[in-house]
PDB file of N, CA and C in Angstrom:
ATOM      1  N   UNK A   1      -2.450 -13.874  -6.520  1.00  0.00           N
ATOM      2  CA  UNK A   1      -2.641 -12.282  -6.745  1.00  0.00           C
ATOM      3  C   UNK A   1      -1.947 -11.651  -7.807  1.00  0.00           C
ATOM      4  N   UNK A   2      -1.992 -11.402  -8.543  1.00  0.00           N
ATOM      5  CA  UNK A   2      -1.540 -10.484  -9.824  1.00  0.00           C
ATOM      6  C   UNK A   2      -1.326  -9.133  -9.820  1.00  0.00           C
ATOM      7  N   UNK A   3      -0.281  -8.866  -9.656  1.00  0.00           N
ATOM      8  CA  UNK A   3       0.404  -7.597  -9.744  1.00  0.00           C
ATOM      9  C   UNK A   3      -0.019  -6.713 -10.486  1.00  0.00           C
ATOM     10  N   UNK A   4       0.098  -5.848 -10.742  1.00  0.00           N
ATOM     11  CA  UNK A   4      -0.161  -4.818 -11.884  1.00  0.00           C
ATOM     12  C   UNK A   4       1.353  -4.249 -12.137  1.00  0.00           C
ATOM     13  N   UNK A   5       1.910  -3.522 -12.989  1.00  0.00           N
ATOM     14  CA  UNK A   5       3.391  -2.749 -13.437  1.00  0.00           C
ATOM     15  C   UNK A   5       3.296  -1.793 -12.279  1.00  0.00           C
ATOM     16  N   UNK A   6       1.889  -0.880 -11.222  1.00  0.00           N
ATOM     17  CA  UNK A   6       2.116  -0.131 -10.376  1.00  0.00           C
ATOM     18  C   UNK A   6       2.226  -0.659  -9.097  1.00  0.00           C
ATOM     19  N   UNK A   7       2.287  -2.445  -8.868  1.00  0.00           N
ATOM     20  CA  UNK A   7       2.519  -2.636  -8.086  1.00  0.00           C
ATOM     21  C   UNK A   7       4.006  -3.228  -7.934  1.00  0.00           C
ATOM     22  N   UNK A   8       4.714  -3.317  -7.041  1.00  0.00           N
ATOM     23  CA  UNK A   8       5.994  -4.825  -7.095  1.00  0.00           C
ATOM     24  C   UNK A   8       6.688  -4.695  -5.751  1.00  0.00           C
ATOM     25  N   UNK A   9       6.432  -5.892  -5.503  1.00  0.00           N
ATOM     26  CA  UNK A   9       7.004  -6.556  -4.222  1.00  0.00           C
ATOM     27  C   UNK A   9       8.014  -5.886  -3.922  1.00  0.00           C
ATOM     28  N   UNK A  10       8.555  -6.004  -2.978  1.00  0.00           N
ATOM     29  CA  UNK A  10      10.144  -5.046  -2.249  1.00  0.00           C
ATOM     30  C   UNK A  10      10.752  -6.262  -2.511  1.00  0.00           C
ATOM     31  N   UNK A  11      12.157  -6.206  -3.159  1.00  0.00           N
ATOM     32  CA  UNK A  11      13.194  -7.192  -3.495  1.00  0.00           C
ATOM     33  C   UNK A  11      14.007  -7.570  -2.141  1.00  0.00           C
ATOM     34  N   UNK A  12      14.382  -6.461  -0.658  1.00  0.00           N
ATOM     35  CA  UNK A  12      14.435  -6.513   0.329  1.00  0.00           C
ATOM     36  C   UNK A  12      13.935  -6.831   1.353  1.00  0.00           C
ATOM     37  N   UNK A  13      13.579  -7.999   1.998  1.00  0.00           N
ATOM     38  CA  UNK A  13      12.787  -8.296   3.267  1.00  0.00           C
ATOM     39  C   UNK A  13      13.484  -7.469   4.507  1.00  0.00           C
ATOM     40  N   UNK A  14      12.421  -6.669   4.612  1.00  0.00           N
ATOM     41  CA  UNK A  14      12.761  -6.012   5.945  1.00  0.00           C
ATOM     42  C   UNK A  14      11.173  -7.032   7.216  1.00  0.00           C
ATOM     43  N   UNK A  15      11.677  -5.884   7.883  1.00  0.00           N
ATOM     44  CA  UNK A  15      10.700  -6.615   9.189  1.00  0.00           C
ATOM     45  C   UNK A  15       9.009  -5.554   9.205  1.00  0.00           C
ATOM     46  N   UNK A  16       8.251  -6.401   9.080  1.00  0.00           N
ATOM     47  CA  UNK A  16       6.943  -5.438   8.514  1.00  0.00           C
ATOM     48  C   UNK A  16       6.259  -5.433  10.155  1.00  0.00           C
ATOM     49  N   UNK A  17       5.838  -4.121  10.327  1.00  0.00           N
ATOM     50  CA  UNK A  17       5.590  -3.674  12.034  1.00  0.00           C
ATOM     51  C   UNK A  17       4.526  -4.152  12.598  1.00  0.00           C
ATOM     52  N   UNK A  18       4.274  -4.774  13.672  1.00  0.00           N
ATOM     53  CA  UNK A  18       2.835  -4.870  14.260  1.00  0.00           C
ATOM     54  C   UNK A  18       1.895  -4.125  14.014  1.00  0.00           C
ATOM     55  N   UNK A  19       1.786  -3.023  13.442  1.00  0.00           N
ATOM     56  CA  UNK A  19       1.095  -1.681  13.753  1.00  0.00           C
ATOM     57  C   UNK A  19       0.598  -2.185  12.722  1.00  0.00           C
ATOM     58  N   UNK A  20       1.272  -2.605  11.453  1.00  0.00           N
ATOM     59  CA  UNK A  20       0.438  -2.681  10.287  1.00  0.00           C
ATOM     60  C   UNK A  20      -0.260  -3.868  10.328  1.00  0.00           C
ATOM     61  N   UNK A  21       0.463  -4.907  10.687  1.00  0.00           N
ATOM     62  CA  UNK A  21      -0.296  -6.236  10.882  1.00  0.00           C
ATOM     63  C   UNK A  21      -2.313  -5.866  11.763  1.00  0.00           C
ATOM     64  N   UNK A  22      -1.835  -4.712  12.799  1.00  0.00           N
ATOM     65  CA  UNK A  22      -3.340  -4.742  13.417  1.00  0.00           C
ATOM     66  C   UNK A  22      -4.004  -4.173  12.465  1.00  0.00           C
ATOM     67  N   UNK A  23      -3.477  -3.332  12.055  1.00  0.00           N
ATOM     68  CA  UNK A  23      -4.630  -2.332  10.518  1.00  0.00           C
ATOM     69  C   UNK A  23      -4.601  -3.321   9.800  1.00  0.00           C
ATOM     70  N   UNK A  24      -4.511  -4.435   9.183  1.00  0.00           N
ATOM     71  CA  UNK A  24      -4.452  -5.165   8.097  1.00  0.00           C
ATOM     72  C   UNK A  24      -5.856  -5.970   8.727  1.00  0.00           C
ATOM     73  N   UNK A  25      -5.476  -6.487  10.072  1.00  0.00           N
ATOM     74  CA  UNK A  25      -6.844  -7.381  10.133  1.00  0.00           C
ATOM     75  C   UNK A  25      -7.847  -6.857  10.256  1.00  0.00           C
ATOM     76  N   UNK A  26      -7.911  -5.344  10.676  1.00  0.00           N
ATOM     77  CA  UNK A  26      -9.419  -5.122  10.716  1.00  0.00           C
ATOM     78  C   UNK A  26     -10.229  -5.444   9.488  1.00  0.00           C
ATOM     79  N   UNK A  27     -11.710  -5.596  10.159  1.00  0.00           N
ATOM     80  CA  UNK A  27     -12.705  -6.630   8.900  1.00  0.00           C
ATOM     81  C   UNK A  27     -12.667  -5.407   7.750  1.00  0.00           C
ATOM     82  N   UNK A  28     -12.493  -4.039   7.714  1.00  0.00           N
ATOM     83  CA  UNK A  28     -12.708  -3.620   6.501  1.00  0.00           C
ATOM     84  C   UNK A  28     -11.567  -3.243   6.032  1.00  0.00           C
ATOM     85  N   UNK A  29     -10.847  -3.847   6.020  1.00  0.00           N
ATOM     86  CA  UNK A  29      -9.303  -3.329   5.346  1.00  0.00           C
ATOM     87  C   UNK A  29      -9.199  -4.771   4.658  1.00  0.00           C
ATOM     88  N   UNK A  30     -10.351  -5.911   4.086  1.00  0.00           N
ATOM     89  CA  UNK A  30      -9.450  -6.789   2.891  1.00  0.00           C
ATOM     90  C   UNK A  30      -8.944  -6.594   2.039  1.00  0.00           C
ATOM     91  N   UNK A  31      -9.494  -5.498   1.112  1.00  0.00           N
ATOM     92  CA  UNK A  31      -8.121  -5.123   0.144  1.00  0.00           C
ATOM     93  C   UNK A  31      -7.732  -2.991   0.247  1.00  0.00           C
ATOM     94  N   UNK A  32      -6.943  -3.057   1.018  1.00  0.00           N
ATOM     95  CA  UNK A  32      -6.357  -1.897   1.273  1.00  0.00           C
ATOM     96  C   UNK A  32      -4.948  -1.447   0.969  1.00  0.00           C
ATOM     97  N   UNK A  33      -4.579  -0.618   1.049  1.00  0.00           N
ATOM     98  CA  UNK A  33      -3.160   0.200   0.260  1.00  0.00           C
ATOM     99  C   UNK A  33      -2.660   0.676   1.723  1.00  0.00           C
ATOM    100  N   UNK A  34      -1.799   0.354   2.874  1.00  0.00           N
ATOM    101  CA  UNK A  34      -1.680   1.096   4.080  1.00  0.00           C
ATOM    102  C   UNK A  34      -0.067   1.761   3.857  1.00  0.00           C
ATOM    103  N   UNK A  35       0.047   2.958   4.295  1.00  0.00           N
ATOM    104  CA  UNK A  35       1.575   3.338   4.543  1.00  0.00           C
ATOM    105  C   UNK A  35       1.634   3.910   6.153  1.00  0.00           C
ATOM    106  N   UNK A  36       3.153   3.298   5.855  1.00  0.00           N
ATOM    107  CA  UNK A  36       3.849   3.291   7.595  1.00  0.00           C
ATOM    108  C   UNK A  36       4.671   4.831   7.126  1.00  0.00           C
ATOM    109  N   UNK A  37       4.357   5.878   8.061  1.00  0.00           N
ATOM    110  CA  UNK A  37       4.275   7.405   7.759  1.00  0.00           C
ATOM    111  C   UNK A  37       5.469   7.928   9.038  1.00  0.00           C
ATOM    112  N   UNK A  38       6.291   7.897   9.099  1.00  0.00           N
ATOM    113  CA  UNK A  38       6.923   8.602  10.789  1.00  0.00           C
ATOM    114  C   UNK A  38       6.045   7.969  12.025  1.00  0.00           C
ATOM    115  N   UNK A  39       6.777   6.405  11.358  1.00  0.00           N
ATOM    116  CA  UNK A  39       5.982   5.392  11.982  1.00  0.00           C
ATOM    117  C   UNK A  39       4.680   5.295  12.838  1.00  0.00           C
ATOM    118  N   UNK A  40       3.963   5.527  12.020  1.00  0.00           N
ATOM    119  CA  UNK A  40       2.389   5.522  12.141  1.00  0.00           C
ATOM    120  C   UNK A  40       2.016   4.778  10.531  1.00  0.00           C
ATOM    121  N   UNK A  41       0.733   4.062  11.380  1.00  0.00           N
ATOM    122  CA  UNK A  41      -0.078   3.475  10.156  1.00  0.00           C
ATOM    123  C   UNK A  41      -1.327   4.033   9.416  1.00  0.00           C
ATOM    124  N   UNK A  42      -1.437   4.604   8.138  1.00  0.00           N
ATOM    125  CA  UNK A  42      -2.433   4.762   7.676  1.00  0.00           C
ATOM    126  C   UNK A  42      -3.379   4.070   6.420  1.00  0.00           C
ATOM    127  N   UNK A  43      -4.550   3.900   6.642  1.00  0.00           N
ATOM    128  CA  UNK A  43      -5.177   3.796   6.026  1.00  0.00           C
ATOM    129  C   UNK A  43      -5.665   4.368   4.699  1.00  0.00           C
ATOM    130  N   UNK A  44      -4.596   4.250   3.236  1.00  0.00           N
ATOM    131  CA  UNK A  44      -5.022   5.329   2.486  1.00  0.00           C
ATOM    132  C   UNK A  44      -6.116   4.943   1.621  1.00  0.00           C
ATOM    133  N   UNK A  45      -6.077   3.470   0.874  1.00  0.00           N
ATOM    134  CA  UNK A  45      -7.306   3.360   0.358  1.00  0.00           C
ATOM    135  C   UNK A  45      -8.193   1.887   0.769  1.00  0.00           C
ATOM    136  N   UNK A  46      -9.152   1.943   0.717  1.00  0.00           N
ATOM    137  CA  UNK A  46      -9.977   0.665   1.081  1.00  0.00           C
ATOM    138  C   UNK A  46     -10.746   0.154  -0.521  1.00  0.00           C
ATOM    139  N   UNK A  47     -10.903  -1.125  -0.538  1.00  0.00           N
ATOM    140  CA  UNK A  47     -11.792  -1.741  -1.312  1.00  0.00           C
ATOM    141  C   UNK A  47     -12.325  -2.774  -1.242  1.00  0.00           C
ATOM    142  N   UNK A  48     -13.382  -3.368  -2.100  1.00  0.00           N
ATOM    143  CA  UNK A  48     -14.220  -4.454  -2.192  1.00  0.00           C
ATOM    144  C   UNK A  48     -13.513  -5.187  -2.814  1.00  0.00           C
ATOM    145  N   UNK A  49     -12.654  -5.022  -3.866  1.00  0.00           N
ATOM    146  CA  UNK A  49     -12.018  -6.638  -4.682  1.00  0.00           C
ATOM    147  C   UNK A  49     -10.549  -6.142  -5.249  1.00  0.00           C
ATOM    148  N   UNK A  50      -9.967  -7.008  -5.577  1.00  0.00           N
ATOM    149  CA  UNK A  50      -8.411  -6.539  -5.708  1.00  0.00           C
ATOM    150  C   UNK A  50      -8.502  -5.518  -6.973  1.00  0.00           C
ATOM    151  N   UNK A  51      -9.457  -6.155  -8.004  1.00  0.00           N
ATOM    152  CA  UNK A  51      -9.599  -4.938  -8.824  1.00  0.00           C
ATOM    153  C   UNK A  51     -10.071  -3.498  -9.195  1.00  0.00           C
ATOM    154  N   UNK A  52     -10.966  -3.356  -7.603  1.00  0.00           N
ATOM    155  CA  UNK A  52     -11.608  -2.004  -7.787  1.00  0.00           C
ATOM    156  C   UNK A  52     -10.148  -1.206  -6.673  1.00  0.00           C
ATOM    157  N   UNK A  53      -9.365  -2.167  -6.108  1.00  0.00           N
ATOM    158  CA  UNK A  53      -8.048  -1.633  -5.012  1.00  0.00           C
ATOM    159  C   UNK A  53      -7.507  -0.918  -6.203  1.00  0.00           C
ATOM    160  N   UNK A  54      -6.689  -2.026  -7.415  1.00  0.00           N
ATOM    161  CA  UNK A  54      -6.137  -1.225  -8.173  1.00  0.00           C
ATOM    162  C   UNK A  54      -6.506   0.303  -9.135  1.00  0.00           C
ATOM    163  N   UNK A  55      -7.507  -0.391  -9.096  1.00  0.00           N
ATOM    164  CA  UNK A  55      -8.755   0.986  -9.925  1.00  0.00           C
ATOM    165  C   UNK A  55      -8.323   2.552  -9.144  1.00  0.00           C
ATOM    166  N   UNK A  56      -8.764   2.518  -7.934  1.00  0.00           N
ATOM    167  CA  UNK A  56      -8.473   3.631  -7.031  1.00  0.00           C
ATOM    168  C   UNK A  56      -7.098   3.985  -6.719  1.00  0.00           C
ATOM    169  N   UNK A  57      -6.290   2.999  -6.972  1.00  0.00           N
ATOM    170  CA  UNK A  57      -5.034   2.766  -6.728  1.00  0.00           C
ATOM    171  C   UNK A  57      -3.698   4.093  -7.798  1.00  0.00           C
ATOM    172  N   UNK A  58      -4.374   4.274  -8.580  1.00  0.00           N
ATOM    173  CA  UNK A  58      -4.183   4.657 -10.107  1.00  0.00           C
ATOM    174  C   UNK A  58      -4.371   6.145  -9.886  1.00  0.00           C
ATOM    175  N   UNK A  59      -5.211   6.604  -9.219  1.00  0.00           N
ATOM    176  CA  UNK A  59      -6.014   7.645  -9.504  1.00  0.00           C
ATOM    177  C   UNK A  59      -5.087   8.748  -8.326  1.00  0.00           C
ATOM    178  N   UNK A  60      -4.777   7.482  -7.068  1.00  0.00           N
ATOM    179  CA  UNK A  60      -3.875   8.224  -5.803  1.00  0.00           C
ATOM    180  C   UNK A  60      -2.650   7.994  -6.117  1.00  0.00           C
ATOM    181  N   UNK A  61      -2.263   7.370  -7.153  1.00  0.00           N
ATOM    182  CA  UNK A  61      -0.537   7.230  -7.588  1.00  0.00           C
ATOM    183  C   UNK A  61      -0.695   8.441  -8.624  1.00  0.00           C
ATOM    184  N   UNK A  62      -1.797   9.161  -8.843  1.00  0.00           N
ATOM    185  CA  UNK A  62      -0.783  10.638  -9.648  1.00  0.00           C
ATOM    186  C   UNK A  62      -1.435  11.477  -8.654  1.00  0.00           C
ATOM    187  N   UNK A  63      -2.302  11.653  -8.032  1.00  0.00           N
ATOM    188  CA  UNK A  63      -2.351  12.793  -7.206  1.00  0.00           C
ATOM    189  C   UNK A  63      -1.767  12.759  -5.376  1.00  0.00           C
ATOM    190  N   UNK A  64      -1.951  11.646  -4.962  1.00  0.00           N
ATOM    191  CA  UNK A  64      -1.099  11.648  -3.670  1.00  0.00           C
ATOM    192  C   UNK A  64       0.326  11.171  -3.578  1.00  0.00           C
ATOM    193  N   UNK A  65       0.711  10.454  -4.098  1.00  0.00           N
ATOM    194  CA  UNK A  65       2.215   9.954  -4.353  1.00  0.00           C
ATOM    195  C   UNK A  65       3.009  11.013  -4.648  1.00  0.00           C
ATOM    196  N   UNK A  66       3.238  12.017  -5.069  1.00  0.00           N
ATOM    197  CA  UNK A  66       4.043  12.541  -5.455  1.00  0.00           C
ATOM    198  C   UNK A  66       4.163  14.007  -3.850  1.00  0.00           C
ATOM    199  N   UNK A  67       3.332  13.926  -3.484  1.00  0.00           N
ATOM    200  CA  UNK A  67       3.392  14.357  -2.014  1.00  0.00           C
ATOM    201  C   UNK A  67       4.335  13.549  -1.585  1.00  0.00           C
ATOM    202  N   UNK A  68       4.668  12.493  -1.349  1.00  0.00           N
ATOM    203  CA  UNK A  68       5.190  11.614  -0.315  1.00  0.00           C
ATOM    204  C   UNK A  68       7.011  11.686  -0.850  1.00  0.00           C
ATOM    205  N   UNK A  69       6.865  12.595  -1.868  1.00  0.00           N
ATOM    206  CA  UNK A  69       8.761  11.880  -2.534  1.00  0.00           C
ATOM    207  C   UNK A  69       9.435  12.271  -1.445  1.00  0.00           C
ATOM    208  N   UNK A  70       9.170  12.998  -0.384  1.00  0.00           N
ATOM    209  CA  UNK A  70      10.404  13.538   0.365  1.00  0.00           C
ATOM    210  C   UNK A  70      10.491  12.586   1.704  1.00  0.00           C
ATOM    211  N   UNK A  71       9.070  11.682   1.759  1.00  0.00           N
ATOM    212  CA  UNK A  71       8.983  10.975   2.831  1.00  0.00           C
ATOM    213  C   UNK A  71       9.518   9.964   3.294  1.00  0.00           C
ATOM    214  N   UNK A  72       9.752   9.250   4.487  1.00  0.00           N
ATOM    215  CA  UNK A  72      10.177   7.790   4.352  1.00  0.00           C
ATOM    216  C   UNK A  72       8.734   7.212   5.319  1.00  0.00           C
ATOM    217  N   UNK A  73       8.547   7.200   3.666  1.00  0.00           N
ATOM    218  CA  UNK A  73       7.170   5.791   3.903  1.00  0.00           C
ATOM    219  C   UNK A  73       7.829   4.405   3.322  1.00  0.00           C
ATOM    220  N   UNK A  74       6.839   3.718   4.071  1.00  0.00           N
ATOM    221  CA  UNK A  74       6.647   2.546   3.497  1.00  0.00           C
ATOM    222  C   UNK A  74       5.257   1.893   3.415  1.00  0.00           C
ATOM    223  N   UNK A  75       5.272   1.099   2.111  1.00  0.00           N
ATOM    224  CA  UNK A  75       3.728   0.908   1.385  1.00  0.00           C
ATOM    225  C   UNK A  75       3.632  -0.467   1.307  1.00  0.00           C
ATOM    226  N   UNK A  76       2.167  -0.661   2.156  1.00  0.00           N
ATOM    227  CA  UNK A  76       1.511  -2.232   2.043  1.00  0.00           C
ATOM    228  C   UNK A  76       0.382  -2.450   1.632  1.00  0.00           C
ATOM    229  N   UNK A  77       0.582  -3.482   1.035  1.00  0.00           N
ATOM    230  CA  UNK A  77      -1.185  -3.676   0.274  1.00  0.00           C
ATOM    231  C   UNK A  77      -1.662  -5.088   1.163  1.00  0.00           C
ATOM    232  N   UNK A  78      -2.898  -5.106   1.339  1.00  0.00           N
ATOM    233  CA  UNK A  78      -3.547  -6.073   2.200  1.00  0.00           C
ATOM    234  C   UNK A  78      -5.182  -6.529   0.802  1.00  0.00           C
ATOM    235  N   UNK A  79      -4.342  -8.069   1.473  1.00  0.00           N
ATOM    236  CA  UNK A  79      -5.373  -9.272   0.231  1.00  0.00           C
ATOM    237  C   UNK A  79      -5.572 -10.056   1.454  1.00  0.00           C
ATOM    238  N   UNK A  80      -6.869  -9.858   1.597  1.00  0.00           N
ATOM    239  CA  UNK A  80      -7.587 -11.400   2.597  1.00  0.00           C
ATOM    240  C   UNK A  80      -6.287 -11.153   3.391  1.00  0.00           C
ATOM    241  N   UNK A  81      -6.281 -10.016   4.255  1.00  0.00           N
ATOM    242  CA  UNK A  81      -5.900 -10.093   5.482  1.00  0.00           C
ATOM    243  C   UNK A  81      -3.877 -10.787   5.531  1.00  0.00           C
ATOM    244  N   UNK A  82      -3.588 -11.170   4.172  1.00  0.00           N
ATOM    245  CA  UNK A  82      -1.992 -11.091   4.079  1.00  0.00           C
ATOM    246  C   UNK A  82      -1.572  -9.887   3.678  1.00  0.00           C
ATOM    247  N   UNK A  83      -0.493  -9.398   4.322  1.00  0.00           N
ATOM    248  CA  UNK A  83       0.242  -8.126   3.940  1.00  0.00           C
ATOM    249  C   UNK A  83       1.314  -8.404   2.679  1.00  0.00           C
ATOM    250  N   UNK A  84       1.683  -7.410   1.969  1.00  0.00           N
ATOM    251  CA  UNK A  84       2.879  -7.775   1.353  1.00  0.00           C
ATOM    252  C   UNK A  84       3.748  -5.966   1.150  1.00  0.00           C
ATOM    253  N   UNK A  85       4.768  -6.148   1.607  1.00  0.00           N
ATOM    254  CA  UNK A  85       5.428  -4.506   1.323  1.00  0.00           C
ATOM    255  C   UNK A  85       5.801  -4.472  -0.089  1.00  0.00           C
ATOM    256  N   UNK A  86       5.481  -3.152  -0.554  1.00  0.00           N
ATOM    257  CA  UNK A  86       5.044  -2.341  -1.802  1.00  0.00           C
ATOM    258  C   UNK A  86       6.485  -1.934  -2.257  1.00  0.00           C
ATOM    259  N   UNK A  87       6.865  -1.486  -3.655  1.00  0.00           N
ATOM    260  CA  UNK A  87       7.485  -0.664  -3.781  1.00  0.00           C
ATOM    261  C   UNK A  87       6.879   0.039  -4.849  1.00  0.00           C
ATOM    262  N   UNK A  88       6.472   1.303  -5.027  1.00  0.00           N
ATOM    263  CA  UNK A  88       5.765   1.915  -5.804  1.00  0.00           C
ATOM    264  C   UNK A  88       6.485   2.923  -6.330  1.00  0.00           C
ATOM    265  N   UNK A  89       6.528   3.010  -7.789  1.00  0.00           N
ATOM    266  CA  UNK A  89       7.549   3.696  -8.389  1.00  0.00           C
ATOM    267  C   UNK A  89       6.491   4.880  -8.804  1.00  0.00           C
ATOM    268  N   UNK A  90       7.687   5.977  -8.778  1.00  0.00           N
ATOM    269  CA  UNK A  90       6.895   7.545  -9.269  1.00  0.00           C
ATOM    270  C   UNK A  90       7.605   7.692 -10.176  1.00  0.00           C
ATOM    271  N   UNK A  91       6.014   8.288 -11.104  1.00  0.00           N
ATOM    272  CA  UNK A  91       7.232   8.518 -12.756  1.00  0.00           C
ATOM    273  C   UNK A  91       7.450   9.850 -12.276  1.00  0.00           C
ATOM    274  N   UNK A  92       8.289  10.345 -13.374  1.00  0.00           N
ATOM    275  CA  UNK A  92       9.530  10.893 -13.579  1.00  0.00           C
ATOM    276  C   UNK A  92       8.877  12.110 -15.017  1.00  0.00           C
ATOM    277  N   UNK A  93       8.660  12.973 -13.651  1.00  0.00           N
ATOM    278  CA  UNK A  93       7.712  13.973 -15.072  1.00  0.00           C
ATOM    279  C   UNK A  93       8.674  15.290 -14.877  1.00  0.00           C
TER     280      UNK A  93
END
C-alpha cells in the first residue's frame, strides 16, 4: 500500500482498540478511514479502491480535519481488512 504525503504511519505503537477492528471487519469498510473520538469509532470515509479513498481524503482533510484540531482523536486506515493507525498532518494556515 503506497502512502501519499497526507498519510503517514504512526511512529509510536499504541494498542488498537477492538472496536476499531470490529468496524474494519464490516464488508462495506474494505477501504475506509475510521476515527476514534471520545472512545467511539466513526466511519468517516468509505471507498471502492485505495486511490478513490485518497481522492476523497483530500477533500475531507480540507473540510473536516480542522474541526478536529482540539479533539483527542486517533485516525485509522482500513485496507482489505488490515488496520493501520495514521498521523494526519494539519496544514498551517
